[in-house]
Amino acid sequence: MINLKIIITMNRKKLLISLAMAMLSMAGLAADNLPALHVQGKNLVDANGKTVVLHGVMDTPNRYFNGWRWQKWKADYSEADIKPCLNYFEKIFTAITDHSQGAYCDVFRLHMDPCWVAGTESLNSGYMSYYDNNGHETTGEANITKFYLPYYRKYLQSLYIPLIKQALAHGLYVVVRPPGVCPPKLTVEEYNNAATKRKCYLYYLLNIWHEFASDPYIQEHSGQISIELANEPISITWNGSSDNGAMKEFFQPVVNRIRRDGFNGIIWVPGTTWQQNYRDYVKHPIVDKQNNLGYAVHCYPGWYRSGSGNNDNTNKEKFYNAFLDAVPVAKTNPIIVTEIDWSPYKPGSGHKDEQGNWVESNYGTWGTATTSGFGEGWKYIHDKLGNISMTLQGSGLYFDIDTYLKDKVVEPAFKGVDEACGEACFKWYKEWYLKQNTTGIKQLETQADVVSTLYYNIEGKEVEKPTAGVYIIKQLLSNGKIRSRKVFLK
């Protein structure tokens, strides 16, 4: 007679060994639970053909942009800085997916911040300098002359991919953008010219995405991880023109390289004018052998004939028509707006400009506008088109990070300011998430019987008797597979 207790005990040991091998990182959860997505016509769909739209935030592993919350100022970044950075983002991912407190993010846009991959003068990459219209050399994130490929390879494995794994473990799809921003003036000729081919920004992108797309983990999770080719191209020309297929000629080699390297997931293609202009793609579309292509767009107050500032008199139909005029690819492909935010002027705050004039400031967003104007106009576009996903420009624009780090309470950014994006998106994200399904995006289920179940807190420690809160459960099934998921107990 079979001793069921012994079998369950053995299975429990088997499960514990599997968990130990995974180092309790929870890195493999999403592979089992998050449905793979792909492009079908103008929509993102799951394996059953169900249309999916995603909503979340973007962020970057950078001390300054993270508000010095995980580390104070240091002159550089090294291996010693990885753990506190990962620990910080574990808290961010926990907060933005905590349904019990009203947070309903399901996508994260990761900027592979260049602060980790910049070499010293002696490690100069050989990439060329770029100059603005006034002849000044570009600086900051638009300057690629200090990029050092060995550093990128190192931190891809030790930081960027671990961040992706953490996000997936919390049920977040991940959109990845390359380090930095585009230089102001790009040309196709730079790549076609033998003298500048291996020094130009296009070659930089080819190197970045070759390393990324070739990684086995990235390829294995290509249904949950997608690529945004570049951030905010301003101008791309070919033979002196910007409307003769220049964008296609610039980005087509990058798409081809990514596919040749074995990544079959979704690729998001940017437009020019800081990701506002996609008109030329209608006449000169990017060709993708996987037919798994969408477009990454940015949307800020004052763009697409929307209102802004004290004059936020946004007309929804004008906003919609102007958006569709600038982004006509929304009729044929899925769209993800990877940067958007807004907040009104903050009474009593501001500064004097060079002329001594008082300049009002908002609550901490890039764009100044109101929910009743710009925000509702944006929601109108989102709901009318039905194929637009979005990520707010920062985690701290969705929820109050400092309150969460102090009290574990998830509440909207700029709480009580109804005209800011925090309160609005806290409400809308939940509405959109639940509208897709009675429980949001359905997690994949296995029909096999459950043999044993273990509960783990968000830190990866086993809990014998879970109470209210967020837990990760691991279930051993009768078919030998292990199923994992995030649960919210009340």
Protein backbone atom coordinates (compact mmCIF):
# COMPACT_ATOMS: atom_id res chain seq x y z
CA MET A 1 0.00 0.00 0.00
CA ILE A 2 1.37 3.40 -0.96
CA ASN A 3 2.12 5.71 1.96
CA LEU A 4 0.66 9.03 0.86
CA LYS A 5 2.37 10.87 3.73
CA ILE A 6 5.80 9.72 2.53
CA ILE A 7 4.99 10.77 -1.04
CA ILE A 8 3.88 14.22 0.08
CA THR A 9 6.99 14.56 2.26
CA MET A 10 9.21 13.55 -0.65
CA ASN A 11 7.37 15.91 -2.92
CA ARG A 12 7.79 18.67 -0.36
CA LYS A 13 11.53 18.03 -0.31
CA LYS A 14 11.58 18.05 -4.09
CA LEU A 15 9.78 21.38 -4.06
CA LEU A 16 12.15 22.84 -1.48
CA ILE A 17 15.15 21.73 -3.53
CA SER A 18 13.68 23.40 -6.59
CA LEU A 19 13.14 26.58 -4.64
CA ALA A 20 16.65 26.49 -3.25
CA MET A 21 18.07 26.09 -6.74
CA ALA A 22 16.16 29.21 -7.68
CA MET A 23 17.69 30.92 -4.61
CA LEU A 24 14.22 32.06 -3.67
CA SER A 25 14.58 34.85 -6.17
CA MET A 26 11.08 34.24 -7.55
CA ALA A 27 12.66 34.94 -10.93
CA GLY A 28 10.86 32.16 -12.77
CA LEU A 29 7.32 32.90 -11.68
CA ALA A 30 6.20 34.85 -14.71
CA ALA A 31 7.25 32.20 -17.20
CA ASP A 32 4.49 29.97 -15.85
CA ASN A 33 1.89 32.58 -14.99
CA LEU A 34 2.03 35.56 -17.34
CA PRO A 35 0.52 34.71 -20.72
CA ALA A 36 2.82 35.37 -23.65
CA LEU A 37 1.67 38.32 -25.75
CA HIS A 38 2.08 38.97 -29.45
CA VAL A 39 0.84 41.37 -32.11
CA GLN A 40 -2.26 40.49 -34.09
CA GLY A 41 -3.39 43.23 -36.42
CA LYS A 42 -3.62 46.45 -34.43
CA ASN A 43 -3.80 44.74 -31.05
CA LEU A 44 -1.74 42.95 -28.45
CA VAL A 45 -3.27 39.55 -27.83
CA ASP A 46 -2.64 36.48 -25.70
CA ALA A 47 -2.49 32.89 -26.95
CA ASN A 48 -6.30 32.74 -27.08
CA GLY A 49 -6.53 35.84 -29.25
CA LYS A 50 -7.87 37.97 -26.39
CA THR A 51 -6.97 41.66 -26.73
CA VAL A 52 -4.76 42.97 -23.94
CA VAL A 53 -3.78 46.52 -23.01
CA LEU A 54 -1.16 47.18 -20.35
CA HIS A 55 -0.76 49.99 -17.82
CA GLY A 56 2.13 50.75 -15.53
CA VAL A 57 5.18 52.92 -14.91
CA MET A 58 8.71 53.44 -16.13
CA ASP A 59 11.78 53.80 -13.95
CA THR A 60 15.55 53.74 -14.08
CA PRO A 61 18.16 52.30 -11.68
CA ASN A 62 19.89 55.57 -10.90
CA ARG A 63 20.52 57.05 -7.44
CA TYR A 64 19.65 60.59 -8.49
CA PHE A 65 16.46 59.72 -10.36
CA ASN A 66 15.45 57.38 -7.53
CA GLY A 67 15.62 60.29 -5.10
CA TRP A 68 18.70 58.97 -3.27
CA ARG A 69 16.37 56.48 -1.57
CA TRP A 70 18.60 53.42 -1.89
CA GLN A 71 22.00 55.07 -1.70
CA LYS A 72 23.54 58.49 -1.19
CA TRP A 73 25.87 60.17 -3.67
CA LYS A 74 28.92 58.27 -4.88
CA ALA A 75 31.33 59.06 -7.68
CA ASP A 76 30.55 55.92 -9.66
CA TYR A 77 28.60 52.65 -9.80
CA SER A 78 30.03 49.21 -9.08
CA GLU A 79 29.07 45.66 -8.10
CA ALA A 80 28.69 46.78 -4.48
CA ASP A 81 25.78 49.00 -5.51
CA ILE A 82 23.72 46.26 -7.14
CA LYS A 83 22.13 44.74 -4.04
CA PRO A 84 20.70 47.97 -2.56
CA CYS A 85 19.39 48.88 -6.01
CA LEU A 86 17.65 45.52 -6.46
CA ASN A 87 16.25 45.70 -2.93
CA TYR A 88 14.77 49.11 -3.66
CA PHE A 89 13.07 47.97 -6.86
CA GLU A 90 11.70 44.89 -5.14
CA LYS A 91 9.76 47.30 -2.93
CA ILE A 92 8.63 49.34 -5.93
CA PHE A 93 7.34 46.25 -7.75
CA THR A 94 5.59 45.03 -4.60
CA ALA A 95 3.81 48.35 -4.17
CA ILE A 96 2.63 48.93 -7.73
CA THR A 97 1.08 45.45 -7.95
CA ASP A 98 -0.58 45.39 -4.51
CA HIS A 99 -4.22 44.94 -5.44
CA SER A 100 -5.22 44.87 -1.77
CA GLN A 101 -4.22 48.54 -1.61
CA GLY A 102 -5.65 49.50 -4.99
CA ALA A 103 -2.50 49.33 -7.13
CA TYR A 104 -3.00 47.65 -10.51
CA CYS A 105 0.12 48.02 -12.64
CA ASP A 106 0.88 45.17 -15.04
CA VAL A 107 3.77 46.57 -17.10
CA PHE A 108 7.13 48.13 -16.23
CA ARG A 109 9.32 50.10 -18.62
CA LEU A 110 12.97 49.58 -17.68
CA HIS A 111 15.61 52.08 -18.71
CA MET A 112 18.99 50.35 -18.78
CA ASP A 113 20.51 53.45 -17.22
CA PRO A 114 23.87 54.46 -18.75
CA CYS A 115 25.32 55.42 -15.36
CA TRP A 116 26.37 51.77 -14.95
CA VAL A 117 28.03 51.37 -18.35
CA ALA A 118 30.12 54.51 -18.72
CA GLY A 119 33.89 53.96 -18.86
CA THR A 120 36.71 56.35 -18.05
CA GLU A 121 38.73 58.21 -20.69
CA SER A 122 41.11 55.26 -20.91
CA LEU A 123 38.16 53.02 -21.75
CA ASN A 124 36.77 55.32 -24.42
CA SER A 125 34.43 53.37 -26.67
CA GLY A 126 35.39 54.99 -29.95
CA TYR A 127 31.84 56.23 -30.58
CA MET A 128 31.56 59.62 -32.18
CA SER A 129 30.40 62.88 -30.62
CA TYR A 130 27.20 64.56 -31.76
CA TYR A 131 26.43 68.27 -31.89
CA ASP A 132 23.27 70.35 -31.59
CA ASN A 133 22.11 73.08 -33.98
CA ASN A 134 24.32 75.60 -32.18
CA GLY A 135 27.43 73.49 -32.64
CA HIS A 136 27.63 72.42 -29.01
CA GLU A 137 28.67 68.85 -28.25
CA THR A 138 25.87 66.81 -26.73
CA THR A 139 26.32 65.87 -23.10
CA GLY A 140 24.67 63.66 -20.53
CA GLU A 141 22.64 60.69 -21.68
CA ALA A 142 22.86 61.71 -25.35
CA ASN A 143 26.66 61.38 -25.31
CA ILE A 144 27.78 57.83 -26.16
CA THR A 145 31.52 58.44 -26.24
CA LYS A 146 32.03 56.93 -22.78
CA PHE A 147 29.96 53.80 -23.40
CA TYR A 148 32.00 50.69 -22.58
CA LEU A 149 30.65 47.44 -23.99
CA PRO A 150 32.28 45.12 -21.39
CA TYR A 151 30.51 47.10 -18.64
CA TYR A 152 27.22 46.72 -20.47
CA ARG A 153 27.72 42.98 -20.75
CA LYS A 154 28.53 42.77 -17.05
CA TYR A 155 25.59 44.80 -15.80
CA LEU A 156 23.18 43.25 -18.28
CA GLN A 157 23.72 39.99 -16.42
CA SER A 158 24.15 41.32 -12.89
CA LEU A 159 21.63 44.18 -12.79
CA TYR A 160 19.34 44.69 -15.78
CA ILE A 161 18.23 41.07 -16.22
CA PRO A 162 17.81 40.57 -12.44
CA LEU A 163 15.56 43.65 -12.44
CA ILE A 164 13.56 42.13 -15.29
CA LYS A 165 13.25 38.88 -13.36
CA GLN A 166 12.01 40.73 -10.29
CA ALA A 167 9.39 42.58 -12.31
CA LEU A 168 8.17 39.41 -13.99
CA ALA A 169 7.92 37.72 -10.60
CA HIS A 170 5.42 40.38 -9.59
CA GLY A 171 3.26 39.86 -12.66
CA LEU A 172 4.67 42.79 -14.62
CA TYR A 173 5.36 42.62 -18.33
CA VAL A 174 8.61 44.43 -19.10
CA VAL A 175 9.43 46.91 -21.86
CA VAL A 176 13.17 47.61 -22.10
CA ARG A 177 14.74 50.74 -23.56
CA PRO A 178 18.45 51.21 -24.32
CA PRO A 179 20.84 53.24 -22.17
CA GLY A 180 20.47 56.98 -22.67
CA VAL A 181 18.60 59.13 -25.17
CA CYS A 182 19.12 59.74 -28.87
CA PRO A 183 21.55 62.47 -29.96
CA PRO A 184 19.74 65.43 -31.55
CA LYS A 185 20.63 64.96 -35.24
CA LEU A 186 20.84 61.45 -36.67
CA THR A 187 21.43 60.47 -40.29
CA VAL A 188 21.27 57.23 -42.23
CA GLU A 189 24.50 58.22 -44.00
CA GLU A 190 26.51 57.87 -40.77
CA TYR A 191 25.94 54.13 -40.87
CA ASN A 192 26.39 53.81 -44.63
CA ASN A 193 29.72 55.66 -44.54
CA ALA A 194 32.66 53.34 -43.85
CA ALA A 195 34.48 56.08 -41.92
CA THR A 196 31.69 56.51 -39.35
CA LYS A 197 29.84 53.18 -39.56
CA ARG A 198 31.32 51.73 -36.36
CA LYS A 199 31.23 55.04 -34.48
CA CYS A 200 27.66 56.19 -35.01
CA TYR A 201 24.54 55.92 -32.87
CA LEU A 202 22.93 53.30 -35.10
CA TYR A 203 25.93 51.03 -34.58
CA TYR A 204 25.61 51.68 -30.83
CA LEU A 205 22.00 50.47 -30.93
CA LEU A 206 23.01 47.40 -32.92
CA ASN A 207 25.56 46.49 -30.24
CA ILE A 208 23.14 47.07 -27.36
CA TRP A 209 20.34 45.00 -28.84
CA HIS A 210 22.64 42.25 -30.12
CA GLU A 211 23.83 41.56 -26.57
CA PHE A 212 20.29 41.79 -25.20
CA ALA A 213 18.47 39.79 -27.88
CA SER A 214 21.08 37.01 -27.86
CA ASP A 215 20.64 36.26 -24.16
CA PRO A 216 18.98 32.86 -23.54
CA TYR A 217 16.80 34.12 -20.67
CA ILE A 218 15.53 37.05 -22.73
CA GLN A 219 14.73 34.75 -25.64
CA GLU A 220 12.97 32.26 -23.36
CA HIS A 221 10.73 35.02 -21.99
CA SER A 222 10.16 36.91 -25.22
CA GLY A 223 6.40 36.68 -24.70
CA GLN A 224 6.68 38.77 -21.53
CA ILE A 225 9.68 40.99 -22.39
CA SER A 226 9.58 43.50 -25.24
CA ILE A 227 12.10 45.91 -26.75
CA GLU A 228 11.73 49.67 -27.30
CA LEU A 229 14.39 50.39 -29.91
CA ALA A 230 15.40 53.90 -28.84
CA ASN A 231 14.31 56.82 -26.70
CA GLU A 232 13.15 60.13 -28.15
CA PRO A 233 14.78 60.50 -31.56
CA ILE A 234 14.52 64.16 -32.45
CA SER A 235 15.59 64.24 -36.09
CA ILE A 236 16.48 61.44 -38.52
CA THR A 237 17.36 62.33 -42.11
CA TRP A 238 18.41 60.45 -45.22
CA ASN A 239 19.85 62.40 -48.14
CA GLY A 240 18.83 65.55 -46.31
CA SER A 241 15.16 64.61 -45.99
CA SER A 242 13.09 63.30 -43.09
CA ASP A 243 10.03 62.13 -45.01
CA ASN A 244 11.55 59.81 -47.62
CA GLY A 245 11.80 56.65 -45.54
CA ALA A 246 14.55 57.94 -43.24
CA MET A 247 13.03 56.41 -40.09
CA LYS A 248 12.60 53.04 -41.81
CA GLU A 249 16.15 53.08 -43.18
CA PHE A 250 17.50 53.93 -39.73
CA PHE A 251 15.60 51.37 -37.63
CA GLN A 252 15.17 48.52 -40.14
CA PRO A 253 18.75 47.22 -39.61
CA VAL A 254 18.15 47.13 -35.85
CA VAL A 255 14.95 45.12 -36.23
CA ASN A 256 16.71 42.75 -38.64
CA ARG A 257 19.60 42.24 -36.22
CA ILE A 258 17.31 41.54 -33.27
CA ARG A 259 15.42 38.90 -35.25
CA ARG A 260 18.63 37.39 -36.58
CA ASP A 261 19.88 37.08 -33.00
CA GLY A 262 16.85 34.98 -32.09
CA PHE A 263 14.52 37.32 -30.20
CA ASN A 264 10.96 36.79 -31.42
CA GLY A 265 9.13 39.05 -28.96
CA ILE A 266 7.42 42.38 -29.53
CA ILE A 267 9.55 45.25 -30.81
CA TRP A 268 8.34 48.80 -30.18
CA VAL A 269 9.54 51.29 -32.81
CA PRO A 270 9.88 55.00 -31.91
CA GLY A 271 9.09 58.00 -34.06
CA THR A 272 10.90 61.32 -34.33
CA THR A 273 10.25 64.70 -32.71
CA TRP A 274 10.64 63.17 -29.25
CA GLN A 275 8.36 60.28 -30.29
CA GLN A 276 5.51 62.36 -31.69
CA ASN A 277 5.85 61.86 -35.47
CA TYR A 278 5.03 58.53 -37.16
CA ARG A 279 3.54 59.73 -40.45
CA ASP A 280 6.33 58.47 -42.70
CA TYR A 281 5.92 54.89 -41.45
CA VAL A 282 2.63 54.72 -43.36
CA LYS A 283 4.47 55.14 -46.68
CA HIS A 284 7.63 53.37 -45.56
CA PRO A 285 6.73 50.74 -42.95
CA ILE A 286 9.26 48.72 -41.01
CA VAL A 287 9.26 45.10 -42.22
CA ASP A 288 9.27 42.42 -39.53
CA LYS A 289 9.38 38.76 -40.49
CA GLN A 290 7.68 37.92 -37.18
CA ASN A 291 4.89 40.46 -37.73
CA ASN A 292 5.33 41.28 -34.06
CA LEU A 293 5.79 45.02 -34.22
CA GLY A 294 4.21 47.97 -32.42
CA TYR A 295 5.08 51.63 -31.95
CA ALA A 296 6.28 53.44 -28.82
CA VAL A 297 4.88 56.96 -28.47
CA HIS A 298 5.28 59.81 -25.98
CA CYS A 299 2.49 62.16 -24.98
CA TYR A 300 2.83 65.28 -22.85
CA PRO A 301 0.59 68.30 -22.21
CA GLY A 302 0.67 70.74 -25.11
CA TRP A 303 1.38 68.02 -27.67
CA TYR A 304 -1.14 66.89 -30.32
CA ARG A 305 -3.17 70.12 -29.89
CA SER A 306 -3.85 69.37 -26.22
CA GLY A 307 -3.98 72.08 -23.58
CA SER A 308 -1.38 72.77 -20.92
CA GLY A 309 -0.55 75.04 -18.00
CA ASN A 310 -3.18 77.54 -16.92
CA ASN A 311 -4.71 77.24 -20.37
CA ASP A 312 -5.62 73.55 -20.20
CA ASN A 313 -8.75 73.82 -22.29
CA THR A 314 -8.14 70.48 -24.00
CA ASN A 315 -10.77 69.61 -26.59
CA LYS A 316 -11.09 65.82 -26.68
CA GLU A 317 -11.91 65.52 -30.37
CA LYS A 318 -9.15 67.89 -31.47
CA PHE A 319 -6.70 66.03 -29.24
CA TYR A 320 -7.85 62.69 -30.67
CA ASN A 321 -7.69 63.82 -34.31
CA ALA A 322 -4.26 65.42 -33.89
CA PHE A 323 -2.94 62.33 -32.15
CA LEU A 324 -4.19 60.08 -34.93
CA ASP A 325 -2.77 62.45 -37.56
CA ALA A 326 0.69 62.30 -35.98
CA VAL A 327 0.45 58.61 -35.06
CA PRO A 328 -1.50 57.06 -37.97
CA VAL A 329 0.14 53.68 -37.27
CA ALA A 330 -2.35 53.37 -34.39
CA LYS A 331 -4.82 52.24 -37.07
CA THR A 332 -2.66 49.26 -38.01
CA ASN A 333 -0.46 48.35 -35.03
CA PRO A 334 -0.59 48.34 -31.24
CA ILE A 335 0.69 51.45 -29.49
CA ILE A 336 2.38 51.86 -26.14
CA VAL A 337 2.76 55.36 -24.77
CA THR A 338 5.93 54.88 -22.75
CA GLU A 339 6.05 58.41 -21.32
CA ILE A 340 3.14 60.54 -20.13
CA ASP A 341 2.37 62.60 -17.03
CA TRP A 342 0.64 65.74 -15.83
CA SER A 343 -0.10 67.80 -12.75
CA PRO A 344 -1.48 71.32 -12.25
CA TYR A 345 0.40 74.30 -10.93
CA LYS A 346 1.07 74.04 -7.21
CA PRO A 347 -0.17 77.12 -5.36
CA GLY A 348 2.63 79.15 -3.80
CA SER A 349 5.46 77.22 -5.42
CA GLY A 350 7.84 78.29 -8.15
CA HIS A 351 10.98 80.29 -8.86
CA LYS A 352 12.21 83.43 -10.59
CA ASP A 353 13.63 83.10 -14.09
CA GLU A 354 16.63 84.97 -15.54
CA GLN A 355 14.52 88.06 -16.10
CA GLY A 356 13.23 88.03 -12.55
CA ASN A 357 9.76 86.86 -13.53
CA TRP A 358 7.96 84.48 -11.21
CA VAL A 359 7.50 81.05 -12.80
CA GLU A 360 4.99 78.73 -11.20
CA SER A 361 5.87 75.07 -10.73
CA ASN A 362 3.69 71.99 -10.75
CA TYR A 363 3.67 69.04 -8.33
CA GLY A 364 6.71 67.34 -9.84
CA THR A 365 5.80 66.15 -13.34
CA TRP A 366 7.34 66.97 -16.73
CA GLY A 367 4.04 68.28 -18.05
CA THR A 368 1.74 70.87 -16.50
CA ALA A 369 -1.96 70.27 -17.06
CA THR A 370 -5.10 68.99 -15.36
CA THR A 371 -6.96 65.71 -15.24
CA SER A 372 -10.21 67.44 -16.17
CA GLY A 373 -8.51 68.79 -19.30
CA PHE A 374 -5.49 66.92 -20.64
CA GLY A 375 -6.03 63.78 -18.54
CA GLU A 376 -9.63 63.20 -19.59
CA GLY A 377 -8.66 63.97 -23.17
CA TRP A 378 -5.96 61.32 -22.99
CA LYS A 379 -8.39 58.79 -21.50
CA TYR A 380 -10.77 59.53 -24.36
CA ILE A 381 -8.05 58.66 -26.90
CA HIS A 382 -7.07 55.54 -24.95
CA ASP A 383 -10.61 54.23 -24.68
CA LYS A 384 -11.69 55.16 -28.21
CA LEU A 385 -8.75 53.50 -29.96
CA GLY A 386 -8.71 50.48 -27.66
CA ASN A 387 -5.19 49.34 -28.55
CA ILE A 388 -3.05 51.71 -26.47
CA SER A 389 -0.97 50.62 -23.50
CA MET A 390 0.85 53.14 -21.32
CA THR A 391 3.51 53.71 -18.68
CA LEU A 392 3.63 56.84 -16.56
CA GLN A 393 6.96 58.64 -16.77
CA GLY A 394 8.00 57.53 -13.27
CA SER A 395 7.02 55.24 -10.40
CA GLY A 396 6.68 58.25 -8.12
CA LEU A 397 4.02 59.71 -10.39
CA TYR A 398 1.76 56.71 -9.75
CA PHE A 399 2.20 56.18 -6.01
CA ASP A 400 3.83 57.96 -3.08
CA ILE A 401 7.15 56.15 -2.75
CA ASP A 402 8.24 57.76 0.51
CA THR A 403 4.98 56.94 2.27
CA TYR A 404 5.30 53.34 1.17
CA LEU A 405 8.92 52.99 2.25
CA LYS A 406 8.01 54.42 5.66
CA ASP A 407 4.62 52.83 6.39
CA LYS A 408 4.05 50.15 3.71
CA VAL A 409 0.97 52.09 2.66
CA VAL A 410 0.28 52.37 -1.07
CA GLU A 411 -1.47 55.61 -1.94
CA PRO A 412 -1.62 57.74 -5.08
CA ALA A 413 1.14 60.18 -5.89
CA PHE A 414 0.11 63.75 -5.03
CA LYS A 415 -2.67 62.33 -2.85
CA GLY A 416 -5.68 64.57 -2.73
CA VAL A 417 -4.72 66.44 -5.90
CA ASP A 418 -7.48 65.19 -8.17
CA GLU A 419 -6.12 67.12 -11.13
CA ALA A 420 -2.79 65.23 -11.11
CA CYS A 421 -1.96 61.95 -12.84
CA GLY A 422 -1.45 59.97 -9.61
CA GLU A 423 -5.06 60.05 -8.42
CA ALA A 424 -6.39 59.64 -11.96
CA CYS A 425 -4.23 56.67 -12.92
CA PHE A 426 -4.78 54.94 -9.59
CA LYS A 427 -8.47 54.93 -10.48
CA TRP A 428 -8.13 54.22 -14.21
CA TYR A 429 -5.56 51.43 -13.94
CA LYS A 430 -7.87 49.45 -11.68
CA GLU A 431 -10.82 50.14 -13.95
CA TRP A 432 -8.93 49.05 -17.07
CA TYR A 433 -7.37 46.03 -15.39
CA LEU A 434 -10.70 44.66 -14.19
CA LYS A 435 -12.45 45.50 -17.44
CA GLN A 436 -10.18 43.12 -19.34
CA ASN A 437 -11.38 40.27 -17.20
CA THR A 438 -13.15 39.71 -13.91
CA THR A 439 -9.72 39.20 -12.37
CA GLY A 440 -7.65 41.25 -14.80
CA ILE A 441 -5.26 39.38 -17.11
CA LYS A 442 -5.90 35.71 -16.48
CA GLN A 443 -2.91 33.76 -15.31
CA LEU A 444 -2.33 30.45 -17.04
CA GLU A 445 -3.76 27.48 -15.18
CA THR A 446 -2.76 23.84 -15.14
CA GLN A 447 -5.56 21.36 -14.68
CA ALA A 448 -3.41 18.78 -12.91
CA ASP A 449 -4.17 18.08 -9.24
CA VAL A 450 -2.28 19.99 -6.57
CA VAL A 451 -0.15 17.69 -4.40
CA SER A 452 1.26 20.30 -2.01
CA THR A 453 1.29 24.07 -1.54
CA LEU A 454 3.89 26.29 0.11
CA TYR A 455 3.51 29.98 0.97
CA TYR A 456 6.32 32.54 0.87
CA ASN A 457 6.32 36.15 1.92
CA ILE A 458 7.52 38.79 -0.49
CA GLU A 459 11.07 38.40 0.85
CA GLY A 460 11.11 34.74 -0.14
CA LYS A 461 10.78 33.26 3.36
CA GLU A 462 8.42 30.33 3.88
CA VAL A 463 5.34 31.08 5.99
CA GLU A 464 3.56 28.26 7.81
CA LYS A 465 0.26 30.03 8.47
CA PRO A 466 -0.22 33.02 6.20
CA THR A 467 -2.44 35.83 7.38
CA ALA A 468 -3.66 38.85 5.44
CA GLY A 469 -1.21 40.23 2.91
CA VAL A 470 0.72 39.48 -0.27
CA TYR A 471 2.28 36.04 -0.73
CA ILE A 472 3.93 33.92 -3.38
CA ILE A 473 2.62 30.37 -3.48
CA LYS A 474 4.40 27.40 -5.01
CA GLN A 475 2.30 24.34 -5.81
CA LEU A 476 3.60 20.92 -6.76
CA LEU A 477 1.23 19.31 -9.27
CA SER A 478 0.56 15.64 -9.84
CA ASN A 479 2.15 15.89 -13.29
CA GLY A 480 5.46 16.87 -11.69
CA LYS A 481 5.29 20.53 -12.66
CA ILE A 482 5.56 23.42 -10.23
CA ARG A 483 3.06 26.27 -10.46
CA SER A 484 3.73 29.63 -8.84
CA ARG A 485 1.70 32.77 -8.44
CA LYS A 486 1.19 35.88 -6.41
CA VAL A 487 -1.87 35.93 -4.15
CA PHE A 488 -3.56 38.54 -1.99
CA LEU A 489 -5.10 37.20 1.20
CA LYS A 490 -7.66 39.24 3.11
